[in-house]
Amino acid sequence: MANMSDPLVVGRVIGDVVDNFTPCVEMSVTYNSSKQVYNGHELFPSSVTAKPKVDVRGGDMRSFFTLIMTDPDVPGPSDPYLRERLHWIVTDIPGTTDSSFGKEVVSYEIPRPNIGIHRFVFVLFKQLRGRQSVTLCPPSSRNGFCTRSFADENDLGSPVAAVFFNCQRETAARRR
C-alpha cells in the first residue's frame, strides 16, 4: 500500500505514471548546476531549457540504469487526453555516475506547458540484465507515451527512483 504522505502519491505520479514501488536508489536531478529538483517544487520554463544533470547514487559500476522523463498533463492537467508526452530517454547509465555517461535514445525536449500547471516526471529503472539488455526502439511519437507500457515492453521492471517538478507557462513579467 502506498504511503499517503509520499510526495509521489500526493502529486499523483504514483497512479498516473507508475505503479507503487519501493525506491532503492538515490537519484538527484539538477538544472544549470544549481536548480535541484524536489518533488512538487515549481521550476520556470526559462530555468529548464538545458538538459539536467541526473546523478545516480546506488548500485555499482556493474549496474546500469534507464532514465525516462515525461509530462503526464498534456495538453492540460484538467483534461490530459494526450497523456503522457515523452521528453527524454537515456539508457545504459552506469551506477554511481550521471546521465552524461549514458546513451541518449530520445533527445531532451524543453518543457513548454501551455495550459495550467504540468508535472515533469523523471523515472529511473535499473536495467535487469546490465548493459546488454537495453536496445530500445524509440517510440514513434512523443505524444501518447506510456511509461508503464514502455517499461513492460522493454523488461525494465519496477522503477527504482522517481522525482517530479511542477512547471507552468511563464508570463513576460515573470521572466524579468
N, C-alpha and C. Protein backbone atom coordinates (compact mmCIF):
# COMPACT_ATOMS: atom_id res chain seq x y z
N MET A 1 0.84 -1.19 0.00
CA MET A 1 0.00 0.00 0.00
C MET A 1 0.88 1.25 0.00
N ALA A 2 0.53 2.19 -0.81
CA ALA A 2 1.31 3.43 -0.93
C ALA A 2 1.12 4.30 0.31
N ASN A 3 2.20 4.94 0.74
CA ASN A 3 2.16 5.85 1.86
C ASN A 3 1.50 7.15 1.40
N MET A 4 0.40 7.52 2.03
CA MET A 4 -0.38 8.68 1.59
C MET A 4 0.35 10.01 1.79
N SER A 5 1.45 10.02 2.56
CA SER A 5 2.21 11.26 2.71
C SER A 5 3.39 11.32 1.74
N ASP A 6 3.59 10.27 0.97
CA ASP A 6 4.66 10.24 -0.03
C ASP A 6 4.36 11.29 -1.09
N PRO A 7 5.31 12.19 -1.39
CA PRO A 7 5.05 13.24 -2.38
C PRO A 7 4.70 12.68 -3.76
N LEU A 8 5.19 11.49 -4.10
CA LEU A 8 4.85 10.89 -5.40
C LEU A 8 3.39 10.44 -5.42
N VAL A 9 2.84 10.08 -4.26
CA VAL A 9 1.42 9.73 -4.16
C VAL A 9 0.58 11.00 -4.17
N VAL A 10 0.96 11.98 -3.34
CA VAL A 10 0.23 13.25 -3.27
C VAL A 10 0.21 13.93 -4.63
N GLY A 11 1.33 13.90 -5.35
CA GLY A 11 1.43 14.52 -6.67
C GLY A 11 0.87 13.66 -7.79
N ARG A 12 0.28 12.50 -7.44
CA ARG A 12 -0.35 11.57 -8.38
C ARG A 12 0.61 11.03 -9.44
N VAL A 13 1.91 11.05 -9.16
CA VAL A 13 2.88 10.40 -10.06
C VAL A 13 2.65 8.89 -9.97
N ILE A 14 2.54 8.42 -8.70
CA ILE A 14 2.13 7.02 -8.50
C ILE A 14 0.64 7.00 -8.76
N GLY A 15 0.26 6.28 -9.76
CA GLY A 15 -1.12 6.25 -10.21
C GLY A 15 -1.22 6.71 -11.65
N ASP A 16 -0.78 7.93 -11.92
CA ASP A 16 -0.86 8.47 -13.29
C ASP A 16 0.28 7.99 -14.18
N VAL A 17 1.48 7.82 -13.63
CA VAL A 17 2.66 7.50 -14.44
C VAL A 17 3.20 6.10 -14.15
N VAL A 18 3.36 5.79 -12.89
CA VAL A 18 3.89 4.48 -12.48
C VAL A 18 3.03 3.89 -11.37
N ASP A 19 3.18 2.58 -11.17
CA ASP A 19 2.53 1.92 -10.05
C ASP A 19 3.39 2.11 -8.82
N ASN A 20 2.83 1.77 -7.67
CA ASN A 20 3.57 1.89 -6.42
C ASN A 20 4.86 1.08 -6.50
N PHE A 21 5.94 1.64 -5.98
CA PHE A 21 7.24 0.96 -5.97
C PHE A 21 8.01 1.39 -4.73
N THR A 22 9.05 0.65 -4.43
CA THR A 22 9.92 0.98 -3.30
C THR A 22 11.21 1.56 -3.84
N PRO A 23 11.48 2.85 -3.59
CA PRO A 23 12.74 3.45 -4.05
C PRO A 23 13.92 2.75 -3.39
N CYS A 24 14.92 2.40 -4.19
CA CYS A 24 16.09 1.71 -3.63
C CYS A 24 17.40 2.29 -4.16
N VAL A 25 17.32 3.37 -4.93
CA VAL A 25 18.49 4.04 -5.47
C VAL A 25 18.28 5.54 -5.28
N GLU A 26 19.33 6.25 -4.97
CA GLU A 26 19.23 7.71 -4.87
C GLU A 26 19.47 8.33 -6.23
N MET A 27 18.60 9.26 -6.60
CA MET A 27 18.74 9.99 -7.86
C MET A 27 18.55 11.47 -7.55
N SER A 28 19.45 12.29 -8.08
CA SER A 28 19.25 13.73 -7.95
C SER A 28 19.28 14.35 -9.34
N VAL A 29 18.39 15.31 -9.55
CA VAL A 29 18.26 15.99 -10.84
C VAL A 29 18.55 17.46 -10.60
N THR A 30 19.50 18.01 -11.36
CA THR A 30 19.91 19.40 -11.18
C THR A 30 19.98 20.10 -12.53
N TYR A 31 19.31 21.25 -12.62
CA TYR A 31 19.37 22.10 -13.81
C TYR A 31 20.37 23.22 -13.57
N ASN A 32 21.13 23.55 -14.59
CA ASN A 32 22.07 24.68 -14.55
C ASN A 32 22.98 24.64 -13.33
N SER A 33 23.36 23.48 -12.89
CA SER A 33 24.24 23.21 -11.76
C SER A 33 23.81 23.85 -10.44
N SER A 34 22.58 24.41 -10.37
CA SER A 34 22.15 24.99 -9.10
C SER A 34 20.67 24.76 -8.78
N LYS A 35 19.86 24.44 -9.76
CA LYS A 35 18.42 24.26 -9.54
C LYS A 35 18.12 22.78 -9.31
N GLN A 36 18.10 22.38 -8.04
CA GLN A 36 17.82 20.99 -7.67
C GLN A 36 16.32 20.73 -7.82
N VAL A 37 15.95 19.58 -8.36
CA VAL A 37 14.55 19.19 -8.50
C VAL A 37 14.13 18.47 -7.22
N TYR A 38 13.06 19.00 -6.61
CA TYR A 38 12.44 18.38 -5.45
C TYR A 38 10.99 18.11 -5.79
N ASN A 39 10.46 17.02 -5.27
CA ASN A 39 9.08 16.65 -5.57
C ASN A 39 8.11 17.79 -5.32
N GLY A 40 7.39 18.17 -6.37
CA GLY A 40 6.33 19.17 -6.25
C GLY A 40 6.76 20.61 -6.29
N HIS A 41 8.06 20.89 -6.30
CA HIS A 41 8.51 22.28 -6.36
C HIS A 41 8.34 22.80 -7.78
N GLU A 42 8.18 24.12 -7.89
CA GLU A 42 7.99 24.72 -9.21
C GLU A 42 9.31 25.24 -9.78
N LEU A 43 9.53 24.92 -11.04
CA LEU A 43 10.63 25.50 -11.80
C LEU A 43 10.03 26.20 -13.01
N PHE A 44 10.62 27.30 -13.40
CA PHE A 44 10.11 28.05 -14.54
C PHE A 44 10.69 27.49 -15.84
N PRO A 45 9.93 27.54 -16.94
CA PRO A 45 10.45 27.05 -18.22
C PRO A 45 11.80 27.64 -18.60
N SER A 46 12.03 28.91 -18.26
CA SER A 46 13.30 29.54 -18.62
C SER A 46 14.49 28.94 -17.86
N SER A 47 14.22 28.23 -16.76
CA SER A 47 15.33 27.65 -16.00
C SER A 47 15.56 26.17 -16.32
N VAL A 48 14.77 25.60 -17.25
CA VAL A 48 14.92 24.18 -17.58
C VAL A 48 15.14 23.97 -19.08
N THR A 49 15.78 24.94 -19.72
CA THR A 49 15.99 24.86 -21.17
C THR A 49 17.10 23.90 -21.56
N ALA A 50 18.12 23.78 -20.72
CA ALA A 50 19.22 22.84 -21.00
C ALA A 50 18.94 21.54 -20.27
N LYS A 51 19.38 20.42 -20.85
CA LYS A 51 19.14 19.14 -20.19
C LYS A 51 19.81 19.13 -18.82
N PRO A 52 19.17 18.50 -17.85
CA PRO A 52 19.71 18.49 -16.49
C PRO A 52 20.80 17.44 -16.32
N LYS A 53 21.50 17.55 -15.22
CA LYS A 53 22.44 16.51 -14.80
C LYS A 53 21.65 15.60 -13.86
N VAL A 54 21.65 14.33 -14.16
CA VAL A 54 20.94 13.36 -13.32
C VAL A 54 21.99 12.43 -12.72
N ASP A 55 22.20 12.55 -11.43
CA ASP A 55 23.16 11.71 -10.71
C ASP A 55 22.46 10.47 -10.19
N VAL A 56 23.11 9.32 -10.37
CA VAL A 56 22.60 8.06 -9.86
C VAL A 56 23.56 7.61 -8.76
N ARG A 57 23.05 7.57 -7.54
CA ARG A 57 23.87 7.15 -6.40
C ARG A 57 23.30 5.86 -5.85
N GLY A 58 23.72 4.79 -6.42
CA GLY A 58 23.23 3.50 -5.97
C GLY A 58 23.76 2.44 -6.90
N GLY A 59 23.78 1.26 -6.43
CA GLY A 59 24.33 0.20 -7.25
C GLY A 59 25.83 0.35 -7.31
N ASP A 60 26.40 -0.13 -8.40
CA ASP A 60 27.84 -0.06 -8.58
C ASP A 60 28.10 0.10 -10.08
N MET A 61 29.35 0.09 -10.47
CA MET A 61 29.68 0.31 -11.88
C MET A 61 29.22 -0.84 -12.77
N ARG A 62 28.81 -1.97 -12.19
CA ARG A 62 28.28 -3.07 -12.99
C ARG A 62 26.76 -2.96 -13.17
N SER A 63 26.13 -2.01 -12.47
CA SER A 63 24.69 -1.78 -12.60
C SER A 63 24.47 -0.68 -13.63
N PHE A 64 23.44 -0.84 -14.45
CA PHE A 64 23.12 0.17 -15.45
C PHE A 64 21.65 0.56 -15.31
N PHE A 65 21.36 1.82 -15.66
CA PHE A 65 20.04 2.37 -15.44
C PHE A 65 19.49 3.04 -16.70
N THR A 66 18.16 3.09 -16.77
CA THR A 66 17.45 3.80 -17.84
C THR A 66 16.64 4.91 -17.20
N LEU A 67 16.72 6.10 -17.77
CA LEU A 67 16.00 7.28 -17.28
C LEU A 67 14.95 7.68 -18.30
N ILE A 68 13.75 7.96 -17.82
CA ILE A 68 12.66 8.44 -18.67
C ILE A 68 12.12 9.72 -18.04
N MET A 69 11.90 10.75 -18.87
CA MET A 69 11.27 11.99 -18.43
C MET A 69 10.01 12.19 -19.25
N THR A 70 8.88 12.40 -18.55
CA THR A 70 7.61 12.62 -19.25
C THR A 70 6.81 13.74 -18.61
N ASP A 71 5.82 14.20 -19.35
CA ASP A 71 4.82 15.15 -18.88
C ASP A 71 3.47 14.45 -18.96
N PRO A 72 2.87 14.06 -17.83
CA PRO A 72 1.59 13.36 -17.87
C PRO A 72 0.37 14.28 -17.97
N ASP A 73 0.58 15.58 -18.16
CA ASP A 73 -0.52 16.55 -18.13
C ASP A 73 -0.78 17.24 -19.47
N VAL A 74 -0.59 16.53 -20.57
CA VAL A 74 -0.74 17.12 -21.90
C VAL A 74 -2.14 16.87 -22.44
N PRO A 75 -2.82 17.86 -23.01
CA PRO A 75 -2.39 19.25 -23.20
C PRO A 75 -2.56 20.12 -21.97
N GLY A 76 -3.43 19.70 -21.03
CA GLY A 76 -3.60 20.45 -19.79
C GLY A 76 -3.99 19.51 -18.67
N PRO A 77 -3.69 19.89 -17.43
CA PRO A 77 -3.92 18.99 -16.31
C PRO A 77 -5.40 18.65 -16.05
N SER A 78 -6.32 19.52 -16.46
CA SER A 78 -7.74 19.21 -16.22
C SER A 78 -8.28 18.20 -17.22
N ASP A 79 -7.65 18.06 -18.38
CA ASP A 79 -8.07 17.07 -19.38
C ASP A 79 -6.84 16.57 -20.14
N PRO A 80 -6.05 15.71 -19.50
CA PRO A 80 -4.78 15.26 -20.11
C PRO A 80 -4.98 14.10 -21.09
N TYR A 81 -5.81 14.32 -22.10
CA TYR A 81 -6.16 13.22 -23.01
C TYR A 81 -4.99 12.76 -23.88
N LEU A 82 -3.92 13.54 -24.00
CA LEU A 82 -2.73 13.10 -24.75
C LEU A 82 -1.67 12.50 -23.84
N ARG A 83 -1.99 12.30 -22.60
CA ARG A 83 -1.05 11.79 -21.60
C ARG A 83 -0.33 10.60 -22.13
N GLU A 84 0.88 10.42 -21.91
CA GLU A 84 1.96 11.27 -21.46
C GLU A 84 2.70 11.80 -22.68
N ARG A 85 3.47 12.89 -22.52
CA ARG A 85 4.37 13.36 -23.57
C ARG A 85 5.79 13.04 -23.13
N LEU A 86 6.50 12.33 -24.00
CA LEU A 86 7.87 11.94 -23.71
C LEU A 86 8.81 13.11 -23.92
N HIS A 87 9.69 13.35 -22.95
CA HIS A 87 10.66 14.44 -23.06
C HIS A 87 12.10 13.98 -23.16
N TRP A 88 12.39 12.73 -22.71
CA TRP A 88 13.80 12.32 -22.70
C TRP A 88 13.90 10.84 -22.33
N ILE A 89 14.81 10.12 -23.00
CA ILE A 89 15.17 8.76 -22.58
C ILE A 89 16.69 8.63 -22.69
N VAL A 90 17.30 8.17 -21.60
CA VAL A 90 18.73 7.87 -21.56
C VAL A 90 18.88 6.45 -21.01
N THR A 91 19.63 5.61 -21.72
CA THR A 91 19.85 4.24 -21.25
C THR A 91 21.33 4.04 -20.89
N ASP A 92 21.61 2.90 -20.33
CA ASP A 92 22.99 2.47 -20.04
C ASP A 92 23.77 3.46 -19.17
N ILE A 93 23.09 4.05 -18.19
CA ILE A 93 23.76 4.94 -17.24
C ILE A 93 24.42 4.07 -16.17
N PRO A 94 25.75 4.08 -16.08
CA PRO A 94 26.40 3.26 -15.06
C PRO A 94 26.06 3.77 -13.65
N GLY A 95 25.86 2.83 -12.72
CA GLY A 95 25.63 3.21 -11.32
C GLY A 95 26.80 4.04 -10.82
N THR A 96 26.53 4.94 -9.90
CA THR A 96 27.50 5.86 -9.28
C THR A 96 28.01 6.93 -10.25
N THR A 97 27.32 7.14 -11.39
CA THR A 97 27.72 8.21 -12.32
C THR A 97 26.51 9.10 -12.59
N ASP A 98 26.51 9.78 -13.73
CA ASP A 98 25.37 10.62 -14.09
C ASP A 98 24.94 10.34 -15.53
N SER A 99 23.85 10.98 -15.93
CA SER A 99 23.23 10.71 -17.23
C SER A 99 24.15 11.00 -18.41
N SER A 100 25.16 11.83 -18.24
CA SER A 100 26.06 12.12 -19.35
C SER A 100 26.88 10.90 -19.77
N PHE A 101 26.95 9.88 -18.90
CA PHE A 101 27.68 8.66 -19.22
C PHE A 101 26.80 7.63 -19.93
N GLY A 102 25.50 7.93 -20.05
CA GLY A 102 24.58 7.01 -20.70
C GLY A 102 24.44 7.28 -22.18
N LYS A 103 23.51 6.56 -22.79
CA LYS A 103 23.24 6.69 -24.22
C LYS A 103 21.87 7.36 -24.38
N GLU A 104 21.86 8.55 -25.00
CA GLU A 104 20.61 9.28 -25.21
C GLU A 104 19.85 8.65 -26.37
N VAL A 105 18.72 8.02 -26.07
CA VAL A 105 17.91 7.34 -27.07
C VAL A 105 16.88 8.30 -27.66
N VAL A 106 16.31 9.15 -26.82
CA VAL A 106 15.41 10.22 -27.27
C VAL A 106 15.96 11.52 -26.70
N SER A 107 16.21 12.49 -27.56
CA SER A 107 16.84 13.73 -27.13
C SER A 107 15.94 14.53 -26.18
N TYR A 108 16.60 15.33 -25.35
CA TYR A 108 15.90 16.16 -24.37
C TYR A 108 15.03 17.19 -25.07
N GLU A 109 13.79 17.28 -24.65
CA GLU A 109 12.86 18.29 -25.16
C GLU A 109 12.53 19.25 -24.02
N ILE A 110 12.65 20.53 -24.30
CA ILE A 110 12.41 21.57 -23.30
C ILE A 110 10.94 21.55 -22.87
N PRO A 111 10.67 21.59 -21.55
CA PRO A 111 9.28 21.71 -21.09
C PRO A 111 8.67 23.05 -21.52
N ARG A 112 7.51 22.96 -22.18
CA ARG A 112 6.80 24.18 -22.63
C ARG A 112 5.30 24.03 -22.37
N PRO A 113 4.89 24.04 -21.10
CA PRO A 113 3.46 23.90 -20.81
C PRO A 113 2.68 25.10 -21.31
N ASN A 114 1.52 24.85 -21.93
CA ASN A 114 0.69 25.94 -22.43
C ASN A 114 -0.46 26.27 -21.49
N ILE A 115 -1.08 25.24 -20.94
CA ILE A 115 -2.28 25.42 -20.12
C ILE A 115 -2.06 24.80 -18.75
N GLY A 116 -2.20 25.57 -17.70
CA GLY A 116 -2.15 25.04 -16.34
C GLY A 116 -0.76 24.64 -15.88
N ILE A 117 -0.75 24.00 -14.72
CA ILE A 117 0.50 23.55 -14.09
C ILE A 117 0.74 22.10 -14.47
N HIS A 118 1.86 21.84 -15.11
CA HIS A 118 2.22 20.49 -15.56
C HIS A 118 3.25 19.89 -14.61
N ARG A 119 3.19 18.56 -14.48
CA ARG A 119 4.21 17.82 -13.74
C ARG A 119 5.19 17.25 -14.75
N PHE A 120 6.47 17.39 -14.48
CA PHE A 120 7.51 16.79 -15.31
C PHE A 120 8.19 15.75 -14.43
N VAL A 121 8.12 14.50 -14.87
CA VAL A 121 8.47 13.36 -14.04
C VAL A 121 9.72 12.66 -14.58
N PHE A 122 10.68 12.42 -13.71
CA PHE A 122 11.87 11.64 -14.02
C PHE A 122 11.71 10.29 -13.33
N VAL A 123 11.78 9.21 -14.10
CA VAL A 123 11.65 7.86 -13.55
C VAL A 123 12.92 7.09 -13.92
N LEU A 124 13.52 6.45 -12.91
CA LEU A 124 14.74 5.69 -13.12
C LEU A 124 14.47 4.20 -12.94
N PHE A 125 14.95 3.41 -13.89
CA PHE A 125 14.81 1.95 -13.85
C PHE A 125 16.19 1.33 -13.83
N LYS A 126 16.35 0.27 -13.05
CA LYS A 126 17.60 -0.50 -13.10
C LYS A 126 17.45 -1.53 -14.21
N GLN A 127 18.39 -1.53 -15.14
CA GLN A 127 18.35 -2.50 -16.23
C GLN A 127 18.61 -3.88 -15.65
N LEU A 128 17.70 -4.79 -15.92
CA LEU A 128 17.73 -6.10 -15.26
C LEU A 128 18.89 -6.97 -15.69
N ARG A 129 19.35 -6.85 -16.92
CA ARG A 129 20.44 -7.70 -17.39
C ARG A 129 21.67 -6.89 -17.79
N GLY A 130 21.89 -5.79 -17.11
CA GLY A 130 23.08 -5.00 -17.39
C GLY A 130 22.99 -4.26 -18.72
N ARG A 131 24.10 -3.85 -19.23
CA ARG A 131 24.17 -3.04 -20.44
C ARG A 131 23.61 -3.77 -21.67
N GLN A 132 23.84 -5.06 -21.79
CA GLN A 132 23.42 -5.80 -22.99
C GLN A 132 21.91 -5.84 -23.16
N SER A 133 21.15 -5.66 -22.10
CA SER A 133 19.71 -5.87 -22.18
C SER A 133 18.98 -4.74 -22.88
N VAL A 134 19.57 -3.57 -22.97
CA VAL A 134 18.79 -2.44 -23.45
C VAL A 134 19.19 -2.03 -24.86
N THR A 135 18.40 -2.48 -25.80
CA THR A 135 18.47 -1.99 -27.17
C THR A 135 17.05 -1.55 -27.48
N LEU A 136 16.72 -0.37 -27.00
CA LEU A 136 15.36 0.15 -27.10
C LEU A 136 15.11 0.78 -28.47
N CYS A 137 13.94 0.55 -28.95
CA CYS A 137 13.50 1.28 -30.13
C CYS A 137 12.75 2.50 -29.64
N PRO A 138 13.15 3.68 -30.07
CA PRO A 138 12.43 4.87 -29.61
C PRO A 138 10.98 4.81 -30.07
N PRO A 139 10.07 5.34 -29.27
CA PRO A 139 8.67 5.35 -29.68
C PRO A 139 8.49 6.19 -30.95
N SER A 140 7.45 5.89 -31.71
CA SER A 140 7.21 6.59 -32.97
C SER A 140 6.77 8.04 -32.76
N SER A 141 6.23 8.33 -31.58
CA SER A 141 5.76 9.68 -31.28
C SER A 141 6.04 10.01 -29.82
N ARG A 142 6.27 11.28 -29.54
CA ARG A 142 6.45 11.70 -28.15
C ARG A 142 5.09 11.76 -27.44
N ASN A 143 4.03 12.03 -28.19
CA ASN A 143 2.68 12.08 -27.60
C ASN A 143 2.15 10.67 -27.41
N GLY A 144 1.29 10.50 -26.41
CA GLY A 144 0.67 9.21 -26.18
C GLY A 144 1.62 8.18 -25.60
N PHE A 145 2.75 8.63 -25.08
CA PHE A 145 3.72 7.72 -24.47
C PHE A 145 3.15 7.19 -23.16
N CYS A 146 3.51 5.98 -22.80
CA CYS A 146 3.08 5.40 -21.52
C CYS A 146 4.30 4.76 -20.86
N THR A 147 4.72 5.35 -19.75
CA THR A 147 5.90 4.85 -19.04
C THR A 147 5.73 3.39 -18.64
N ARG A 148 4.54 3.05 -18.08
CA ARG A 148 4.28 1.66 -17.66
C ARG A 148 4.44 0.68 -18.82
N SER A 149 3.79 0.98 -19.94
CA SER A 149 3.85 0.08 -21.10
C SER A 149 5.27 -0.03 -21.64
N PHE A 150 5.96 1.10 -21.73
CA PHE A 150 7.32 1.11 -22.23
C PHE A 150 8.23 0.25 -21.35
N ALA A 151 8.07 0.38 -20.02
CA ALA A 151 8.87 -0.41 -19.09
C ALA A 151 8.56 -1.90 -19.26
N ASP A 152 7.29 -2.24 -19.42
CA ASP A 152 6.90 -3.65 -19.62
C ASP A 152 7.47 -4.20 -20.93
N GLU A 153 7.30 -3.45 -22.01
CA GLU A 153 7.75 -3.90 -23.33
C GLU A 153 9.27 -4.09 -23.41
N ASN A 154 9.99 -3.34 -22.58
CA ASN A 154 11.45 -3.39 -22.63
C ASN A 154 12.08 -4.07 -21.41
N ASP A 155 11.26 -4.81 -20.66
CA ASP A 155 11.74 -5.57 -19.50
C ASP A 155 12.55 -4.72 -18.52
N LEU A 156 12.04 -3.53 -18.22
CA LEU A 156 12.75 -2.65 -17.29
C LEU A 156 12.37 -2.91 -15.83
N GLY A 157 11.28 -3.62 -15.61
CA GLY A 157 10.86 -3.90 -14.24
C GLY A 157 10.25 -2.68 -13.58
N SER A 158 10.25 -2.68 -12.26
CA SER A 158 9.70 -1.55 -11.49
C SER A 158 10.73 -0.43 -11.40
N PRO A 159 10.24 0.80 -11.24
CA PRO A 159 11.18 1.91 -11.04
C PRO A 159 11.99 1.71 -9.76
N VAL A 160 13.15 2.34 -9.71
CA VAL A 160 13.98 2.32 -8.50
C VAL A 160 14.08 3.71 -7.88
N ALA A 161 13.66 4.74 -8.63
CA ALA A 161 13.65 6.11 -8.12
C ALA A 161 12.78 6.96 -9.04
N ALA A 162 12.22 8.03 -8.48
CA ALA A 162 11.45 8.99 -9.27
C ALA A 162 11.42 10.33 -8.55
N VAL A 163 11.32 11.38 -9.32
CA VAL A 163 11.19 12.73 -8.78
C VAL A 163 10.45 13.56 -9.82
N PHE A 164 9.71 14.58 -9.37
CA PHE A 164 8.99 15.43 -10.32
C PHE A 164 9.00 16.88 -9.88
N PHE A 165 8.86 17.75 -10.87
CA PHE A 165 8.69 19.18 -10.58
C PHE A 165 7.47 19.68 -11.32
N ASN A 166 6.95 20.80 -10.84
CA ASN A 166 5.82 21.46 -11.49
C ASN A 166 6.34 22.62 -12.33
N CYS A 167 5.63 22.88 -13.42
CA CYS A 167 6.05 23.94 -14.32
C CYS A 167 4.82 24.50 -15.01
N GLN A 168 4.76 25.80 -15.15
CA GLN A 168 3.66 26.42 -15.89
C GLN A 168 4.20 27.52 -16.79
N ARG A 169 3.37 27.91 -17.73
CA ARG A 169 3.76 28.93 -18.70
C ARG A 169 4.20 30.20 -17.97
N GLU A 170 5.29 30.76 -18.44
CA GLU A 170 5.83 31.98 -17.83
C GLU A 170 5.26 33.20 -18.52
N THR A 171 4.87 34.16 -17.71
CA THR A 171 4.45 35.43 -18.28
C THR A 171 5.71 36.27 -18.50
N ALA A 172 5.59 37.29 -19.32
CA ALA A 172 6.75 38.15 -19.58
C ALA A 172 7.26 38.79 -18.30
N ALA A 173 6.36 39.15 -17.38
CA ALA A 173 6.76 39.77 -16.13
C ALA A 173 7.58 38.81 -15.27
N ARG A 174 7.25 37.53 -15.30
CA ARG A 174 7.97 36.53 -14.50
C ARG A 174 9.39 36.33 -14.99
N ARG A 175 9.63 36.47 -16.29
CA ARG A 175 10.95 36.22 -16.85
C ARG A 175 11.96 37.29 -16.51
N ARG A 176 11.48 38.45 -16.05
CA ARG A 176 12.39 39.55 -15.73
C ARG A 176 13.10 39.35 -14.44
